[in-house]
């Protein structure tokens, strides 16, 4: 069983209003929470999860998930790696506000 860390206050007090209100990207916030849950929290472990699985488990379209992932990666909230161009991506959640 994974020891899961609850999201920091920052996630709800700062990140949510920023992504949902300012960026008008609620899908990015939903995807971030899903990845946080799947990994157990920031800098804990990585998780391999397909775009389709993320879409189904969040209730978002694949294009919304793709856009959210690009936004989160550009902001430094997640890392994405792949063994090859067609492999399932591996995601790591970061908490840059902790540094």
PDB file of N, CA and C in Angstrom:
ATOM      1  N   UNK A   1       0.835  -1.181   0.000  1.00  0.00           N
ATOM      2  CA  UNK A   1       0.000   0.000   0.000  1.00  0.00           C
ATOM      3  C   UNK A   1       0.882   1.248   0.000  1.00  0.00           C
ATOM      4  N   UNK A   2       0.510   2.211  -0.790  1.00  0.00           N
ATOM      5  CA  UNK A   2       1.264   3.455  -0.898  1.00  0.00           C
ATOM      6  C   UNK A   2       0.889   4.374   0.251  1.00  0.00           C
ATOM      7  N   UNK A   3       1.905   4.931   0.894  1.00  0.00           N
ATOM      8  CA  UNK A   3       1.658   5.948   1.913  1.00  0.00           C
ATOM      9  C   UNK A   3       1.414   7.258   1.177  1.00  0.00           C
ATOM     10  N   UNK A   4       0.196   7.740   1.236  1.00  0.00           N
ATOM     11  CA  UNK A   4      -0.170   8.934   0.472  1.00  0.00           C
ATOM     12  C   UNK A   4      -0.128  10.172   1.342  1.00  0.00           C
ATOM     13  N   UNK A   5       0.448  11.197   0.786  1.00  0.00           N
ATOM     14  CA  UNK A   5       0.549  12.482   1.459  1.00  0.00           C
ATOM     15  C   UNK A   5      -0.602  13.370   0.991  1.00  0.00           C
ATOM     16  N   UNK A   6      -1.345  13.968   1.915  1.00  0.00           N
ATOM     17  CA  UNK A   6      -2.424  14.863   1.477  1.00  0.00           C
ATOM     18  C   UNK A   6      -1.845  16.111   0.815  1.00  0.00           C
ATOM     19  N   UNK A   7      -2.571  16.707  -0.100  1.00  0.00           N
ATOM     20  CA  UNK A   7      -2.078  17.934  -0.744  1.00  0.00           C
ATOM     21  C   UNK A   7      -1.833  19.048   0.269  1.00  0.00           C
ATOM     22  N   UNK A   8      -0.792  19.825   0.012  1.00  0.00           N
ATOM     23  CA  UNK A   8      -0.465  20.985   0.845  1.00  0.00           C
ATOM     24  C   UNK A   8      -1.570  22.029   0.750  1.00  0.00           C
ATOM     25  N   UNK A   9      -1.622  22.909   1.743  1.00  0.00           N
ATOM     26  CA  UNK A   9      -2.558  24.034   1.694  1.00  0.00           C
ATOM     27  C   UNK A   9      -2.333  24.873   0.440  1.00  0.00           C
ATOM     28  N   UNK A  10      -1.068  24.982   0.010  1.00  0.00           N
ATOM     29  CA  UNK A  10      -0.721  25.766  -1.176  1.00  0.00           C
ATOM     30  C   UNK A  10      -1.535  25.312  -2.391  1.00  0.00           C
ATOM     31  N   UNK A  11      -1.748  24.006  -2.500  1.00  0.00           N
ATOM     32  CA  UNK A  11      -2.463  23.454  -3.653  1.00  0.00           C
ATOM     33  C   UNK A  11      -3.861  24.055  -3.759  1.00  0.00           C
ATOM     34  N   UNK A  12      -4.530  24.198  -2.625  1.00  0.00           N
ATOM     35  CA  UNK A  12      -5.899  24.721  -2.639  1.00  0.00           C
ATOM     36  C   UNK A  12      -5.964  26.238  -2.494  1.00  0.00           C
ATOM     37  N   UNK A  13      -5.015  26.818  -1.769  1.00  0.00           N
ATOM     38  CA  UNK A  13      -5.048  28.260  -1.514  1.00  0.00           C
ATOM     39  C   UNK A  13      -4.454  29.095  -2.643  1.00  0.00           C
ATOM     40  N   UNK A  14      -3.487  28.535  -3.360  1.00  0.00           N
ATOM     41  CA  UNK A  14      -2.787  29.300  -4.403  1.00  0.00           C
ATOM     42  C   UNK A  14      -2.913  28.654  -5.784  1.00  0.00           C
ATOM     43  N   UNK A  15      -2.569  27.373  -5.870  1.00  0.00           N
ATOM     44  CA  UNK A  15      -2.548  26.706  -7.175  1.00  0.00           C
ATOM     45  C   UNK A  15      -3.937  26.609  -7.806  1.00  0.00           C
ATOM     46  N   UNK A  16      -4.939  26.235  -7.019  1.00  0.00           N
ATOM     47  CA  UNK A  16      -6.290  26.110  -7.570  1.00  0.00           C
ATOM     48  C   UNK A  16      -6.800  27.435  -8.134  1.00  0.00           C
ATOM     49  N   UNK A  17      -6.761  28.550  -7.374  1.00  0.00           N
ATOM     50  CA  UNK A  17      -7.239  29.808  -7.954  1.00  0.00           C
ATOM     51  C   UNK A  17      -6.413  30.249  -9.169  1.00  0.00           C
ATOM     52  N   UNK A  18      -5.112  29.918  -9.159  1.00  0.00           N
ATOM     53  CA  UNK A  18      -4.254  30.312 -10.274  1.00  0.00           C
ATOM     54  C   UNK A  18      -4.614  29.543 -11.541  1.00  0.00           C
ATOM     55  N   UNK A  19      -4.715  28.219 -11.444  1.00  0.00           N
ATOM     56  CA  UNK A  19      -5.016  27.410 -12.629  1.00  0.00           C
ATOM     57  C   UNK A  19      -6.464  27.564 -13.078  1.00  0.00           C
ATOM     58  N   UNK A  20      -7.388  27.544 -12.132  1.00  0.00           N
ATOM     59  CA  UNK A  20      -8.811  27.584 -12.479  1.00  0.00           C
ATOM     60  C   UNK A  20      -9.264  28.999 -12.814  1.00  0.00           C
ATOM     61  N   UNK A  21      -8.883  29.962 -11.979  1.00  0.00           N
ATOM     62  CA  UNK A  21      -9.340  31.340 -12.171  1.00  0.00           C
ATOM     63  C   UNK A  21      -8.529  32.116 -13.181  1.00  0.00           C
ATOM     64  N   UNK A  22      -7.223  32.215 -12.941  1.00  0.00           N
ATOM     65  CA  UNK A  22      -6.367  33.037 -13.799  1.00  0.00           C
ATOM     66  C   UNK A  22      -6.142  32.401 -15.164  1.00  0.00           C
ATOM     67  N   UNK A  23      -5.724  31.132 -15.172  1.00  0.00           N
ATOM     68  CA  UNK A  23      -5.411  30.451 -16.444  1.00  0.00           C
ATOM     69  C   UNK A  23      -6.650  29.887 -17.135  1.00  0.00           C
ATOM     70  N   UNK A  24      -7.753  29.842 -16.443  1.00  0.00           N
ATOM     71  CA  UNK A  24      -8.980  29.244 -16.966  1.00  0.00           C
ATOM     72  C   UNK A  24      -8.720  27.814 -17.456  1.00  0.00           C
ATOM     73  N   UNK A  25      -8.011  27.053 -16.611  1.00  0.00           N
ATOM     74  CA  UNK A  25      -7.643  25.678 -16.949  1.00  0.00           C
ATOM     75  C   UNK A  25      -7.973  24.732 -15.792  1.00  0.00           C
ATOM     76  N   UNK A  26      -9.260  24.564 -15.485  1.00  0.00           N
ATOM     77  CA  UNK A  26      -9.602  23.657 -14.391  1.00  0.00           C
ATOM     78  C   UNK A  26      -9.138  22.224 -14.643  1.00  0.00           C
ATOM     79  N   UNK A  27      -9.017  21.853 -15.900  1.00  0.00           N
ATOM     80  CA  UNK A  27      -8.551  20.496 -16.207  1.00  0.00           C
ATOM     81  C   UNK A  27      -7.127  20.283 -15.696  1.00  0.00           C
ATOM     82  N   UNK A  28      -6.297  21.312 -15.721  1.00  0.00           N
ATOM     83  CA  UNK A  28      -4.928  21.190 -15.216  1.00  0.00           C
ATOM     84  C   UNK A  28      -4.934  20.903 -13.718  1.00  0.00           C
ATOM     85  N   UNK A  29      -5.828  21.544 -12.997  1.00  0.00           N
ATOM     86  CA  UNK A  29      -5.920  21.309 -11.559  1.00  0.00           C
ATOM     87  C   UNK A  29      -6.398  19.883 -11.282  1.00  0.00           C
ATOM     88  N   UNK A  30      -7.377  19.418 -12.032  1.00  0.00           N
ATOM     89  CA  UNK A  30      -7.900  18.057 -11.853  1.00  0.00           C
ATOM     90  C   UNK A  30      -6.817  17.024 -12.154  1.00  0.00           C
ATOM     91  N   UNK A  31      -6.088  17.211 -13.240  1.00  0.00           N
ATOM     92  CA  UNK A  31      -5.018  16.275 -13.608  1.00  0.00           C
ATOM     93  C   UNK A  31      -3.915  16.297 -12.553  1.00  0.00           C
ATOM     94  N   UNK A  32      -3.569  17.477 -12.049  1.00  0.00           N
ATOM     95  CA  UNK A  32      -2.547  17.578 -11.008  1.00  0.00           C
ATOM     96  C   UNK A  32      -2.965  16.779  -9.770  1.00  0.00           C
ATOM     97  N   UNK A  33      -4.204  16.942  -9.334  1.00  0.00           N
ATOM     98  CA  UNK A  33      -4.681  16.192  -8.167  1.00  0.00           C
ATOM     99  C   UNK A  33      -4.667  14.684  -8.426  1.00  0.00           C
ATOM    100  N   UNK A  34      -5.047  14.271  -9.628  1.00  0.00           N
ATOM    101  CA  UNK A  34      -5.035  12.845  -9.969  1.00  0.00           C
ATOM    102  C   UNK A  34      -3.619  12.287  -9.907  1.00  0.00           C
ATOM    103  N   UNK A  35      -2.659  13.016 -10.470  1.00  0.00           N
ATOM    104  CA  UNK A  35      -1.273  12.548 -10.446  1.00  0.00           C
ATOM    105  C   UNK A  35      -0.711  12.565  -9.026  1.00  0.00           C
ATOM    106  N   UNK A  36      -1.069  13.575  -8.238  1.00  0.00           N
ATOM    107  CA  UNK A  36      -0.637  13.624  -6.829  1.00  0.00           C
ATOM    108  C   UNK A  36      -1.130  12.354  -6.119  1.00  0.00           C
ATOM    109  N   UNK A  37      -2.385  12.035  -6.314  1.00  0.00           N
ATOM    110  CA  UNK A  37      -2.978  10.851  -5.682  1.00  0.00           C
ATOM    111  C   UNK A  37      -2.299   9.565  -6.176  1.00  0.00           C
ATOM    112  N   UNK A  38      -2.060   9.473  -7.465  1.00  0.00           N
ATOM    113  CA  UNK A  38      -1.475   8.258  -8.045  1.00  0.00           C
ATOM    114  C   UNK A  38      -0.033   8.029  -7.598  1.00  0.00           C
ATOM    115  N   UNK A  39       0.705   9.109  -7.342  1.00  0.00           N
ATOM    116  CA  UNK A  39       2.111   8.976  -6.945  1.00  0.00           C
ATOM    117  C   UNK A  39       2.304   8.974  -5.436  1.00  0.00           C
ATOM    118  N   UNK A  40       1.301   9.371  -4.687  1.00  0.00           N
ATOM    119  CA  UNK A  40       1.436   9.440  -3.237  1.00  0.00           C
ATOM    120  C   UNK A  40       1.903  10.794  -2.750  1.00  0.00           C
ATOM    121  N   UNK A  41       2.177  11.705  -3.666  1.00  0.00           N
ATOM    122  CA  UNK A  41       2.628  13.046  -3.294  1.00  0.00           C
ATOM    123  C   UNK A  41       3.881  13.428  -4.049  1.00  0.00           C
ATOM    124  N   UNK A  42       4.338  14.661  -3.873  1.00  0.00           N
ATOM    125  CA  UNK A  42       5.489  15.137  -4.630  1.00  0.00           C
ATOM    126  C   UNK A  42       6.790  14.444  -4.241  1.00  0.00           C
ATOM    127  N   UNK A  43       7.627  14.214  -5.235  1.00  0.00           N
ATOM    128  CA  UNK A  43       8.964  13.641  -5.065  1.00  0.00           C
ATOM    129  C   UNK A  43       8.956  12.278  -4.368  1.00  0.00           C
ATOM    130  N   UNK A  44       7.842  11.573  -4.406  1.00  0.00           N
ATOM    131  CA  UNK A  44       7.748  10.272  -3.739  1.00  0.00           C
ATOM    132  C   UNK A  44       8.069   9.131  -4.689  1.00  0.00           C
ATOM    133  N   UNK A  45       7.346   9.064  -5.763  1.00  0.00           N
ATOM    134  CA  UNK A  45       7.594   8.030  -6.765  1.00  0.00           C
ATOM    135  C   UNK A  45       6.966   8.486  -8.061  1.00  0.00           C
ATOM    136  N   UNK A  46       7.329   7.800  -9.109  1.00  0.00           N
ATOM    137  CA  UNK A  46       6.760   8.099 -10.420  1.00  0.00           C
ATOM    138  C   UNK A  46       5.693   7.064 -10.732  1.00  0.00           C
ATOM    139  N   UNK A  47       4.822   7.421 -11.657  1.00  0.00           N
ATOM    140  CA  UNK A  47       3.766   6.493 -12.052  1.00  0.00           C
ATOM    141  C   UNK A  47       3.643   6.509 -13.572  1.00  0.00           C
ATOM    142  N   UNK A  48       3.555   5.311 -14.150  1.00  0.00           N
ATOM    143  CA  UNK A  48       3.322   5.182 -15.590  1.00  0.00           C
ATOM    144  C   UNK A  48       1.820   5.064 -15.785  1.00  0.00           C
ATOM    145  N   UNK A  49       1.272   5.988 -16.554  1.00  0.00           N
ATOM    146  CA  UNK A  49      -0.175   5.985 -16.772  1.00  0.00           C
ATOM    147  C   UNK A  49      -0.448   6.546 -18.167  1.00  0.00           C
ATOM    148  N   UNK A  50      -1.299   5.885 -18.897  1.00  0.00           N
ATOM    149  CA  UNK A  50      -1.572   6.307 -20.275  1.00  0.00           C
ATOM    150  C   UNK A  50      -2.486   7.524 -20.308  1.00  0.00           C
ATOM    151  N   UNK A  51      -2.451   8.202 -21.417  1.00  0.00           N
ATOM    152  CA  UNK A  51      -3.321   9.358 -21.632  1.00  0.00           C
ATOM    153  C   UNK A  51      -4.786   8.936 -21.541  1.00  0.00           C
ATOM    154  N   UNK A  52      -5.121   7.810 -22.133  1.00  0.00           N
ATOM    155  CA  UNK A  52      -6.496   7.316 -22.093  1.00  0.00           C
ATOM    156  C   UNK A  52      -6.940   7.034 -20.659  1.00  0.00           C
ATOM    157  N   UNK A  53      -6.076   6.415 -19.876  1.00  0.00           N
ATOM    158  CA  UNK A  53      -6.412   6.127 -18.478  1.00  0.00           C
ATOM    159  C   UNK A  53      -6.629   7.414 -17.698  1.00  0.00           C
ATOM    160  N   UNK A  54      -5.753   8.397 -17.893  1.00  0.00           N
ATOM    161  CA  UNK A  54      -5.934   9.691 -17.224  1.00  0.00           C
ATOM    162  C   UNK A  54      -7.259  10.323 -17.624  1.00  0.00           C
ATOM    163  N   UNK A  55      -7.589  10.241 -18.891  1.00  0.00           N
ATOM    164  CA  UNK A  55      -8.843  10.828 -19.370  1.00  0.00           C
ATOM    165  C   UNK A  55     -10.048  10.133 -18.735  1.00  0.00           C
ATOM    166  N   UNK A  56     -10.030   8.819 -18.732  1.00  0.00           N
ATOM    167  CA  UNK A  56     -11.155   8.062 -18.168  1.00  0.00           C
ATOM    168  C   UNK A  56     -11.278   8.307 -16.664  1.00  0.00           C
ATOM    169  N   UNK A  57     -10.154   8.281 -15.956  1.00  0.00           N
ATOM    170  CA  UNK A  57     -10.198   8.400 -14.498  1.00  0.00           C
ATOM    171  C   UNK A  57     -10.479   9.816 -14.007  1.00  0.00           C
ATOM    172  N   UNK A  58     -10.290  10.811 -14.849  1.00  0.00           N
ATOM    173  CA  UNK A  58     -10.608  12.191 -14.455  1.00  0.00           C
ATOM    174  C   UNK A  58     -11.931  12.662 -15.041  1.00  0.00           C
ATOM    175  N   UNK A  59     -12.446  11.926 -16.021  1.00  0.00           N
ATOM    176  CA  UNK A  59     -13.682  12.340 -16.677  1.00  0.00           C
ATOM    177  C   UNK A  59     -13.474  13.438 -17.703  1.00  0.00           C
ATOM    178  N   UNK A  60     -12.227  13.664 -18.094  1.00  0.00           N
ATOM    179  CA  UNK A  60     -11.893  14.703 -19.068  1.00  0.00           C
ATOM    180  C   UNK A  60     -11.650  14.085 -20.440  1.00  0.00           C
ATOM    181  N   UNK A  61     -11.707  14.902 -21.470  1.00  0.00           N
ATOM    182  CA  UNK A  61     -11.363  14.428 -22.811  1.00  0.00           C
ATOM    183  C   UNK A  61      -9.847  14.262 -22.907  1.00  0.00           C
ATOM    184  N   UNK A  62      -9.402  13.443 -23.866  1.00  0.00           N
ATOM    185  CA  UNK A  62      -7.962  13.257 -24.048  1.00  0.00           C
ATOM    186  C   UNK A  62      -7.279  14.568 -24.401  1.00  0.00           C
ATOM    187  N   UNK A  63      -7.913  15.397 -25.221  1.00  0.00           N
ATOM    188  CA  UNK A  63      -7.289  16.673 -25.594  1.00  0.00           C
ATOM    189  C   UNK A  63      -7.182  17.607 -24.389  1.00  0.00           C
ATOM    190  N   UNK A  64      -8.163  17.579 -23.491  1.00  0.00           N
ATOM    191  CA  UNK A  64      -8.087  18.391 -22.271  1.00  0.00           C
ATOM    192  C   UNK A  64      -6.956  17.912 -21.371  1.00  0.00           C
ATOM    193  N   UNK A  65      -6.788  16.602 -21.274  1.00  0.00           N
ATOM    194  CA  UNK A  65      -5.703  16.046 -20.467  1.00  0.00           C
ATOM    195  C   UNK A  65      -4.355  16.426 -21.077  1.00  0.00           C
ATOM    196  N   UNK A  66      -4.224  16.325 -22.407  1.00  0.00           N
ATOM    197  CA  UNK A  66      -2.972  16.704 -23.068  1.00  0.00           C
ATOM    198  C   UNK A  66      -2.627  18.162 -22.797  1.00  0.00           C
ATOM    199  N   UNK A  67      -3.592  19.027 -22.922  1.00  0.00           N
ATOM    200  CA  UNK A  67      -3.380  20.448 -22.666  1.00  0.00           C
ATOM    201  C   UNK A  67      -2.988  20.681 -21.208  1.00  0.00           C
ATOM    202  N   UNK A  68      -3.657  19.994 -20.305  1.00  0.00           N
ATOM    203  CA  UNK A  68      -3.350  20.123 -18.878  1.00  0.00           C
ATOM    204  C   UNK A  68      -1.928  19.662 -18.580  1.00  0.00           C
ATOM    205  N   UNK A  69      -1.522  18.547 -19.165  1.00  0.00           N
ATOM    206  CA  UNK A  69      -0.173  18.027 -18.943  1.00  0.00           C
ATOM    207  C   UNK A  69       0.886  18.998 -19.459  1.00  0.00           C
ATOM    208  N   UNK A  70       0.649  19.586 -20.623  1.00  0.00           N
ATOM    209  CA  UNK A  70       1.595  20.579 -21.163  1.00  0.00           C
ATOM    210  C   UNK A  70       1.722  21.770 -20.216  1.00  0.00           C
ATOM    211  N   UNK A  71       0.600  22.253 -19.727  1.00  0.00           N
ATOM    212  CA  UNK A  71       0.595  23.406 -18.825  1.00  0.00           C
ATOM    213  C   UNK A  71       1.327  23.075 -17.515  1.00  0.00           C
ATOM    214  N   UNK A  72       1.032  21.916 -16.938  1.00  0.00           N
ATOM    215  CA  UNK A  72       1.655  21.521 -15.677  1.00  0.00           C
ATOM    216  C   UNK A  72       3.158  21.309 -15.827  1.00  0.00           C
ATOM    217  N   UNK A  73       3.565  20.724 -16.941  1.00  0.00           N
ATOM    218  CA  UNK A  73       4.994  20.519 -17.177  1.00  0.00           C
ATOM    219  C   UNK A  73       5.699  21.855 -17.383  1.00  0.00           C
ATOM    220  N   UNK A  74       5.099  22.753 -18.135  1.00  0.00           N
ATOM    221  CA  UNK A  74       5.700  24.070 -18.379  1.00  0.00           C
ATOM    222  C   UNK A  74       5.853  24.860 -17.082  1.00  0.00           C
ATOM    223  N   UNK A  75       4.943  24.668 -16.160  1.00  0.00           N
ATOM    224  CA  UNK A  75       4.979  25.366 -14.872  1.00  0.00           C
ATOM    225  C   UNK A  75       5.919  24.696 -13.868  1.00  0.00           C
ATOM    226  N   UNK A  76       6.410  23.511 -14.179  1.00  0.00           N
ATOM    227  CA  UNK A  76       7.315  22.806 -13.276  1.00  0.00           C
ATOM    228  C   UNK A  76       6.620  22.017 -12.179  1.00  0.00           C
ATOM    229  N   UNK A  77       5.325  21.734 -12.362  1.00  0.00           N
ATOM    230  CA  UNK A  77       4.580  20.978 -11.358  1.00  0.00           C
ATOM    231  C   UNK A  77       4.662  19.476 -11.571  1.00  0.00           C
ATOM    232  N   UNK A  78       4.988  19.049 -12.795  1.00  0.00           N
ATOM    233  CA  UNK A  78       5.159  17.625 -13.078  1.00  0.00           C
ATOM    234  C   UNK A  78       6.346  17.434 -14.011  1.00  0.00           C
ATOM    235  N   UNK A  79       6.908  16.234 -13.960  1.00  0.00           N
ATOM    236  CA  UNK A  79       7.915  15.818 -14.917  1.00  0.00           C
ATOM    237  C   UNK A  79       7.337  14.674 -15.728  1.00  0.00           C
ATOM    238  N   UNK A  80       7.683  14.619 -16.996  1.00  0.00           N
ATOM    239  CA  UNK A  80       7.188  13.567 -17.881  1.00  0.00           C
ATOM    240  C   UNK A  80       8.383  12.949 -18.586  1.00  0.00           C
ATOM    241  N   UNK A  81       8.485  11.622 -18.529  1.00  0.00           N
ATOM    242  CA  UNK A  81       9.552  10.940 -19.256  1.00  0.00           C
ATOM    243  C   UNK A  81       8.957   9.752 -19.997  1.00  0.00           C
ATOM    244  N   UNK A  82       9.655   9.360 -21.052  1.00  0.00           N
ATOM    245  CA  UNK A  82       9.227   8.220 -21.873  1.00  0.00           C
ATOM    246  C   UNK A  82      10.463   7.430 -22.283  1.00  0.00           C
ATOM    247  N   UNK A  83      10.326   6.112 -22.305  1.00  0.00           N
ATOM    248  CA  UNK A  83      11.414   5.263 -22.783  1.00  0.00           C
ATOM    249  C   UNK A  83      11.543   5.369 -24.297  1.00  0.00           C
ATOM    250  N   UNK A  84      10.409   5.559 -24.974  1.00  0.00           N
ATOM    251  CA  UNK A  84      10.402   5.744 -26.422  1.00  0.00           C
ATOM    252  C   UNK A  84       9.203   6.614 -26.776  1.00  0.00           C
ATOM    253  N   UNK A  85       9.119   7.010 -28.021  1.00  0.00           N
ATOM    254  CA  UNK A  85       8.042   7.907 -28.456  1.00  0.00           C
ATOM    255  C   UNK A  85       6.657   7.289 -28.295  1.00  0.00           C
ATOM    256  N   UNK A  86       6.579   5.966 -28.344  1.00  0.00           N
ATOM    257  CA  UNK A  86       5.271   5.308 -28.264  1.00  0.00           C
ATOM    258  C   UNK A  86       5.005   4.637 -26.915  1.00  0.00           C
ATOM    259  N   UNK A  87       5.926   4.764 -25.972  1.00  0.00           N
ATOM    260  CA  UNK A  87       5.726   4.123 -24.670  1.00  0.00           C
ATOM    261  C   UNK A  87       4.797   4.942 -23.776  1.00  0.00           C
ATOM    262  N   UNK A  88       4.278   4.299 -22.751  1.00  0.00           N
ATOM    263  CA  UNK A  88       3.409   4.985 -21.788  1.00  0.00           C
ATOM    264  C   UNK A  88       4.261   5.973 -20.997  1.00  0.00           C
ATOM    265  N   UNK A  89       3.815   7.212 -20.869  1.00  0.00           N
ATOM    266  CA  UNK A  89       4.590   8.214 -20.135  1.00  0.00           C
ATOM    267  C   UNK A  89       4.678   7.891 -18.640  1.00  0.00           C
ATOM    268  N   UNK A  90       5.779   8.317 -18.053  1.00  0.00           N
ATOM    269  CA  UNK A  90       5.993   8.179 -16.614  1.00  0.00           C
ATOM    270  C   UNK A  90       5.972   9.588 -16.035  1.00  0.00           C
ATOM    271  N   UNK A  91       5.116   9.805 -15.041  1.00  0.00           N
ATOM    272  CA  UNK A  91       4.918  11.132 -14.460  1.00  0.00           C
ATOM    273  C   UNK A  91       5.476  11.190 -13.044  1.00  0.00           C
ATOM    274  N   UNK A  92       6.077  12.311 -12.720  1.00  0.00           N
ATOM    275  CA  UNK A  92       6.538  12.611 -11.372  1.00  0.00           C
ATOM    276  C   UNK A  92       5.930  13.947 -10.979  1.00  0.00           C
ATOM    277  N   UNK A  93       5.416  14.034  -9.759  1.00  0.00           N
ATOM    278  CA  UNK A  93       4.818  15.275  -9.264  1.00  0.00           C
ATOM    279  C   UNK A  93       5.868  16.035  -8.464  1.00  0.00           C
ATOM    280  N   UNK A  94       5.957  17.335  -8.701  1.00  0.00           N
ATOM    281  CA  UNK A  94       6.877  18.205  -7.970  1.00  0.00           C
ATOM    282  C   UNK A  94       6.092  19.234  -7.171  1.00  0.00           C
ATOM    283  N   UNK A  95       6.713  19.727  -6.125  1.00  0.00           N
ATOM    284  CA  UNK A  95       6.127  20.799  -5.314  1.00  0.00           C
ATOM    285  C   UNK A  95       7.158  21.922  -5.221  1.00  0.00           C
ATOM    286  N   UNK A  96       7.296  22.724  -6.288  1.00  0.00           N
ATOM    287  CA  UNK A  96       8.346  23.749  -6.303  1.00  0.00           C
ATOM    288  C   UNK A  96       8.187  24.798  -5.206  1.00  0.00           C
ATOM    289  N   UNK A  97       6.991  24.956  -4.659  1.00  0.00           N
ATOM    290  CA  UNK A  97       6.774  25.937  -3.605  1.00  0.00           C
ATOM    291  C   UNK A  97       7.428  25.514  -2.291  1.00  0.00           C
ATOM    292  N   UNK A  98       7.839  24.263  -2.183  1.00  0.00           N
ATOM    293  CA  UNK A  98       8.488  23.779  -0.957  1.00  0.00           C
ATOM    294  C   UNK A  98       9.972  24.126  -0.910  1.00  0.00           C
ATOM    295  N   UNK A  99      10.532  24.551  -2.017  1.00  0.00           N
ATOM    296  CA  UNK A  99      11.985  24.787  -2.074  1.00  0.00           C
ATOM    297  C   UNK A  99      12.318  26.230  -1.844  1.00  0.00           C
TER     298      UNK A  99
END
